Amino acid sequence: MKLRELAHSRTGDKGNTLNVSVICHDARHYDLLRKVLTSERVKAFLSDVVLGDVVRYELPRLAAFNFVLGRALGGGVTRSLALDAHGKSLSSALMDLEIDEEAGL
């Protein structure tokens, strides 16, 4: 299944760093996503765009995660020639990540 079936996302940017929050539709899915939605997996999935580190922050009381993606905006909003210099479309791209429910068991 796609990540979008279990969660939605919001983004924010500061300089060349992008924040992507992944918020579970239902708190019951938090543990599954905690196991399978790692920093390494997010970095690999977005490797064409994200050139820096990816750090995951867990927000269990909100059933959410915040990923901080370094060097993800082509130098920053005011310097980038990217079509989406704010990185908003990256959250939508991340929602296409395949989640294997069996892997979380």
N, C-alpha and C. Protein backbone atom coordinates (compact mmCIF):
# COMPACT_ATOMS: atom_id res chain seq x y z
N MET A 1 0.84 -1.17 0.00
CA MET A 1 0.00 0.00 0.00
C MET A 1 0.89 1.24 0.00
N LYS A 2 0.35 2.34 -0.41
CA LYS A 2 1.07 3.61 -0.42
C LYS A 2 0.98 4.27 0.96
N LEU A 3 2.02 5.02 1.29
CA LEU A 3 2.05 5.75 2.56
C LEU A 3 0.83 6.64 2.71
N ARG A 4 0.35 7.22 1.61
CA ARG A 4 -0.81 8.13 1.67
C ARG A 4 -2.07 7.45 2.20
N GLU A 5 -2.11 6.13 2.16
CA GLU A 5 -3.27 5.42 2.70
C GLU A 5 -3.26 5.39 4.23
N LEU A 6 -2.08 5.64 4.82
CA LEU A 6 -1.93 5.60 6.27
C LEU A 6 -1.70 6.96 6.89
N ALA A 7 -1.27 7.93 6.07
CA ALA A 7 -0.85 9.22 6.64
C ALA A 7 -1.01 10.33 5.62
N HIS A 8 -0.91 11.56 6.13
CA HIS A 8 -0.83 12.73 5.26
C HIS A 8 0.42 13.51 5.66
N SER A 9 0.69 14.59 4.95
CA SER A 9 1.96 15.26 5.15
C SER A 9 1.83 16.78 5.05
N ARG A 10 2.75 17.46 5.71
CA ARG A 10 2.90 18.91 5.62
C ARG A 10 4.38 19.22 5.48
N THR A 11 4.70 20.34 4.89
CA THR A 11 6.11 20.71 4.72
C THR A 11 6.36 22.14 5.15
N GLY A 12 7.63 22.41 5.37
CA GLY A 12 8.10 23.75 5.66
C GLY A 12 9.55 23.84 5.24
N ASP A 13 10.02 25.04 4.96
CA ASP A 13 11.40 25.17 4.51
C ASP A 13 12.08 26.33 5.22
N LYS A 14 13.38 26.20 5.32
CA LYS A 14 14.23 27.26 5.87
C LYS A 14 15.58 27.11 5.19
N GLY A 15 15.90 28.07 4.36
CA GLY A 15 17.16 27.98 3.63
C GLY A 15 17.16 26.77 2.72
N ASN A 16 18.17 25.93 2.86
CA ASN A 16 18.32 24.74 2.01
C ASN A 16 17.83 23.48 2.74
N THR A 17 17.06 23.67 3.81
CA THR A 17 16.58 22.55 4.62
C THR A 17 15.06 22.47 4.51
N LEU A 18 14.58 21.26 4.36
CA LEU A 18 13.14 21.02 4.24
C LEU A 18 12.67 20.16 5.40
N ASN A 19 11.56 20.54 6.02
CA ASN A 19 10.88 19.72 7.03
C ASN A 19 9.69 19.06 6.37
N VAL A 20 9.58 17.76 6.55
CA VAL A 20 8.42 17.03 6.06
C VAL A 20 7.82 16.29 7.25
N SER A 21 6.60 16.66 7.61
CA SER A 21 5.89 15.97 8.68
C SER A 21 4.98 14.91 8.07
N VAL A 22 5.00 13.75 8.68
CA VAL A 22 4.13 12.64 8.27
C VAL A 22 3.22 12.37 9.45
N ILE A 23 1.91 12.54 9.25
CA ILE A 23 0.93 12.45 10.32
C ILE A 23 -0.03 11.29 10.02
N CYS A 24 -0.10 10.34 10.93
CA CYS A 24 -0.96 9.17 10.74
C CYS A 24 -2.43 9.59 10.69
N HIS A 25 -3.18 9.00 9.78
CA HIS A 25 -4.62 9.20 9.76
C HIS A 25 -5.24 8.60 11.02
N ASP A 26 -4.68 7.47 11.46
CA ASP A 26 -5.17 6.76 12.63
C ASP A 26 -3.95 6.40 13.49
N ALA A 27 -4.00 6.71 14.76
CA ALA A 27 -2.86 6.47 15.65
C ALA A 27 -2.45 4.99 15.69
N ARG A 28 -3.35 4.10 15.32
CA ARG A 28 -3.01 2.66 15.30
C ARG A 28 -1.90 2.35 14.31
N HIS A 29 -1.67 3.21 13.33
CA HIS A 29 -0.64 2.96 12.32
C HIS A 29 0.74 3.49 12.72
N TYR A 30 0.80 4.18 13.84
CA TYR A 30 2.07 4.80 14.25
C TYR A 30 3.19 3.78 14.42
N ASP A 31 2.93 2.68 15.11
CA ASP A 31 3.98 1.69 15.36
C ASP A 31 4.50 1.06 14.06
N LEU A 32 3.61 0.79 13.14
CA LEU A 32 4.03 0.26 11.85
C LEU A 32 4.95 1.25 11.15
N LEU A 33 4.53 2.51 11.07
CA LEU A 33 5.35 3.51 10.39
C LEU A 33 6.66 3.76 11.14
N ARG A 34 6.63 3.64 12.44
CA ARG A 34 7.86 3.81 13.22
C ARG A 34 8.89 2.77 12.81
N LYS A 35 8.44 1.57 12.49
CA LYS A 35 9.35 0.49 12.10
C LYS A 35 9.84 0.62 10.66
N VAL A 36 8.97 1.02 9.76
CA VAL A 36 9.33 0.96 8.34
C VAL A 36 9.70 2.31 7.71
N LEU A 37 9.32 3.40 8.33
CA LEU A 37 9.58 4.73 7.76
C LEU A 37 10.81 5.34 8.45
N THR A 38 11.97 4.81 8.11
CA THR A 38 13.22 5.25 8.73
C THR A 38 13.83 6.42 7.97
N SER A 39 14.76 7.08 8.61
CA SER A 39 15.50 8.16 7.94
C SER A 39 16.20 7.65 6.70
N GLU A 40 16.79 6.46 6.80
CA GLU A 40 17.51 5.87 5.67
C GLU A 40 16.57 5.59 4.50
N ARG A 41 15.39 5.11 4.82
CA ARG A 41 14.43 4.79 3.75
C ARG A 41 13.93 6.06 3.06
N VAL A 42 13.66 7.10 3.84
CA VAL A 42 13.21 8.37 3.27
C VAL A 42 14.32 8.97 2.40
N LYS A 43 15.56 8.94 2.90
CA LYS A 43 16.68 9.48 2.12
C LYS A 43 16.85 8.71 0.81
N ALA A 44 16.78 7.39 0.86
CA ALA A 44 16.91 6.58 -0.34
C ALA A 44 15.80 6.87 -1.34
N PHE A 45 14.58 7.01 -0.84
CA PHE A 45 13.43 7.25 -1.71
C PHE A 45 13.51 8.60 -2.39
N LEU A 46 14.06 9.60 -1.71
CA LEU A 46 14.15 10.96 -2.25
C LEU A 46 15.59 11.32 -2.65
N SER A 47 16.40 10.31 -2.93
CA SER A 47 17.83 10.52 -3.16
C SER A 47 18.15 11.40 -4.37
N ASP A 48 17.26 11.51 -5.32
CA ASP A 48 17.50 12.37 -6.48
C ASP A 48 17.49 13.85 -6.10
N VAL A 49 16.85 14.18 -4.98
CA VAL A 49 16.67 15.57 -4.58
C VAL A 49 17.41 15.88 -3.27
N VAL A 50 17.35 14.97 -2.32
CA VAL A 50 17.92 15.21 -0.99
C VAL A 50 19.39 14.80 -1.00
N LEU A 51 20.28 15.79 -0.88
CA LEU A 51 21.71 15.54 -0.95
C LEU A 51 22.36 15.47 0.43
N GLY A 52 21.67 15.93 1.46
CA GLY A 52 22.22 15.95 2.82
C GLY A 52 21.63 14.86 3.68
N ASP A 53 21.84 15.01 4.97
CA ASP A 53 21.33 14.06 5.95
C ASP A 53 19.82 14.17 6.09
N VAL A 54 19.22 13.07 6.52
CA VAL A 54 17.80 13.04 6.86
C VAL A 54 17.71 12.60 8.32
N VAL A 55 17.08 13.42 9.14
CA VAL A 55 16.92 13.13 10.56
C VAL A 55 15.43 12.98 10.85
N ARG A 56 15.08 11.91 11.56
CA ARG A 56 13.68 11.67 11.93
C ARG A 56 13.48 12.01 13.40
N TYR A 57 12.43 12.77 13.65
CA TYR A 57 11.99 13.06 15.01
C TYR A 57 10.64 12.39 15.22
N GLU A 58 10.49 11.67 16.31
CA GLU A 58 9.26 10.96 16.60
C GLU A 58 8.36 11.79 17.50
N LEU A 59 7.09 11.83 17.17
CA LEU A 59 6.08 12.56 17.94
C LEU A 59 4.94 11.60 18.26
N PRO A 60 5.17 10.64 19.15
CA PRO A 60 4.17 9.59 19.39
C PRO A 60 2.83 10.10 19.91
N ARG A 61 2.83 11.16 20.68
CA ARG A 61 1.55 11.65 21.21
C ARG A 61 0.69 12.28 20.11
N LEU A 62 1.33 12.65 19.01
CA LEU A 62 0.61 13.18 17.85
C LEU A 62 0.45 12.14 16.75
N ALA A 63 1.03 10.95 16.96
CA ALA A 63 1.07 9.91 15.93
C ALA A 63 1.67 10.47 14.64
N ALA A 64 2.83 11.10 14.81
CA ALA A 64 3.45 11.79 13.68
C ALA A 64 4.97 11.69 13.76
N PHE A 65 5.61 12.04 12.64
CA PHE A 65 7.06 12.10 12.53
C PHE A 65 7.40 13.40 11.83
N ASN A 66 8.54 13.94 12.17
CA ASN A 66 9.06 15.10 11.44
C ASN A 66 10.42 14.71 10.89
N PHE A 67 10.55 14.82 9.59
CA PHE A 67 11.82 14.52 8.92
C PHE A 67 12.45 15.85 8.51
N VAL A 68 13.72 16.02 8.88
CA VAL A 68 14.47 17.20 8.49
C VAL A 68 15.43 16.75 7.40
N LEU A 69 15.24 17.30 6.20
CA LEU A 69 16.00 16.90 5.02
C LEU A 69 17.00 18.00 4.68
N GLY A 70 18.27 17.71 4.85
CA GLY A 70 19.31 18.69 4.57
C GLY A 70 19.68 18.73 3.09
N ARG A 71 20.08 19.90 2.66
CA ARG A 71 20.50 20.11 1.26
C ARG A 71 19.46 19.54 0.29
N ALA A 72 18.23 19.96 0.49
CA ALA A 72 17.13 19.41 -0.29
C ALA A 72 16.46 20.42 -1.23
N LEU A 73 16.90 21.67 -1.18
CA LEU A 73 16.17 22.70 -1.93
C LEU A 73 17.05 23.44 -2.94
N GLY A 74 18.06 22.77 -3.44
CA GLY A 74 18.88 23.36 -4.50
C GLY A 74 19.56 24.66 -4.07
N GLY A 75 19.95 24.76 -2.81
CA GLY A 75 20.61 25.96 -2.33
C GLY A 75 19.71 26.88 -1.53
N GLY A 76 18.43 26.65 -1.57
CA GLY A 76 17.48 27.49 -0.84
C GLY A 76 16.54 28.20 -1.78
N VAL A 77 15.43 28.63 -1.26
CA VAL A 77 14.35 29.20 -2.06
C VAL A 77 14.83 30.39 -2.91
N THR A 78 15.62 31.26 -2.35
CA THR A 78 16.04 32.45 -3.10
C THR A 78 17.20 32.17 -4.05
N ARG A 79 17.81 31.00 -3.97
CA ARG A 79 18.96 30.67 -4.82
C ARG A 79 18.66 29.59 -5.84
N SER A 80 17.61 28.84 -5.63
CA SER A 80 17.34 27.65 -6.43
C SER A 80 16.67 27.98 -7.76
N LEU A 81 17.01 27.20 -8.76
CA LEU A 81 16.33 27.27 -10.05
C LEU A 81 15.32 26.14 -10.19
N ALA A 82 15.11 25.41 -9.10
CA ALA A 82 14.18 24.28 -9.11
C ALA A 82 12.75 24.76 -9.36
N LEU A 83 11.99 23.91 -10.01
CA LEU A 83 10.59 24.22 -10.30
C LEU A 83 9.79 24.41 -9.00
N ASP A 84 10.10 23.60 -7.99
CA ASP A 84 9.43 23.70 -6.69
C ASP A 84 10.48 24.03 -5.64
N ALA A 85 10.89 25.26 -5.58
CA ALA A 85 11.97 25.68 -4.68
C ALA A 85 11.61 25.55 -3.21
N HIS A 86 10.32 25.50 -2.89
CA HIS A 86 9.89 25.35 -1.51
C HIS A 86 9.81 23.89 -1.09
N GLY A 87 9.85 22.97 -2.02
CA GLY A 87 9.83 21.55 -1.70
C GLY A 87 8.47 20.99 -1.36
N LYS A 88 7.40 21.72 -1.64
CA LYS A 88 6.06 21.24 -1.29
C LYS A 88 5.72 19.92 -2.00
N SER A 89 6.18 19.77 -3.21
CA SER A 89 5.86 18.55 -3.96
C SER A 89 6.60 17.33 -3.41
N LEU A 90 7.66 17.53 -2.64
CA LEU A 90 8.37 16.38 -2.06
C LEU A 90 7.50 15.63 -1.06
N SER A 91 6.64 16.34 -0.35
CA SER A 91 5.75 15.64 0.58
C SER A 91 4.79 14.75 -0.20
N SER A 92 4.31 15.23 -1.31
CA SER A 92 3.43 14.42 -2.14
C SER A 92 4.18 13.23 -2.72
N ALA A 93 5.42 13.45 -3.14
CA ALA A 93 6.24 12.35 -3.65
C ALA A 93 6.46 11.30 -2.58
N LEU A 94 6.74 11.74 -1.35
CA LEU A 94 6.97 10.80 -0.26
C LEU A 94 5.72 9.95 0.01
N MET A 95 4.55 10.51 -0.21
CA MET A 95 3.31 9.76 0.02
C MET A 95 3.17 8.58 -0.95
N ASP A 96 3.98 8.54 -2.00
CA ASP A 96 3.98 7.41 -2.95
C ASP A 96 4.84 6.24 -2.48
N LEU A 97 5.52 6.39 -1.37
CA LEU A 97 6.37 5.33 -0.83
C LEU A 97 5.52 4.10 -0.52
N GLU A 98 5.98 2.95 -0.96
CA GLU A 98 5.27 1.69 -0.69
C GLU A 98 5.55 1.24 0.74
N ILE A 99 4.49 0.93 1.45
CA ILE A 99 4.58 0.42 2.83
C ILE A 99 4.11 -1.02 2.83
N ASP A 100 4.99 -1.91 3.29
CA ASP A 100 4.66 -3.32 3.41
C ASP A 100 4.25 -3.60 4.84
N GLU A 101 2.97 -3.83 5.05
CA GLU A 101 2.47 -4.09 6.40
C GLU A 101 3.16 -5.28 7.05
N GLU A 102 3.49 -6.28 6.27
CA GLU A 102 4.13 -7.47 6.80
C GLU A 102 5.52 -7.14 7.35
N ALA A 103 6.21 -6.17 6.77
CA ALA A 103 7.56 -5.81 7.23
C ALA A 103 7.53 -5.20 8.62
N GLY A 104 6.41 -4.63 9.02
CA GLY A 104 6.31 -4.01 10.31
C GLY A 104 6.01 -4.99 11.45
N LEU A 105 5.78 -6.24 11.11
CA LEU A 105 5.44 -7.24 12.15
C LEU A 105 6.68 -7.75 12.85
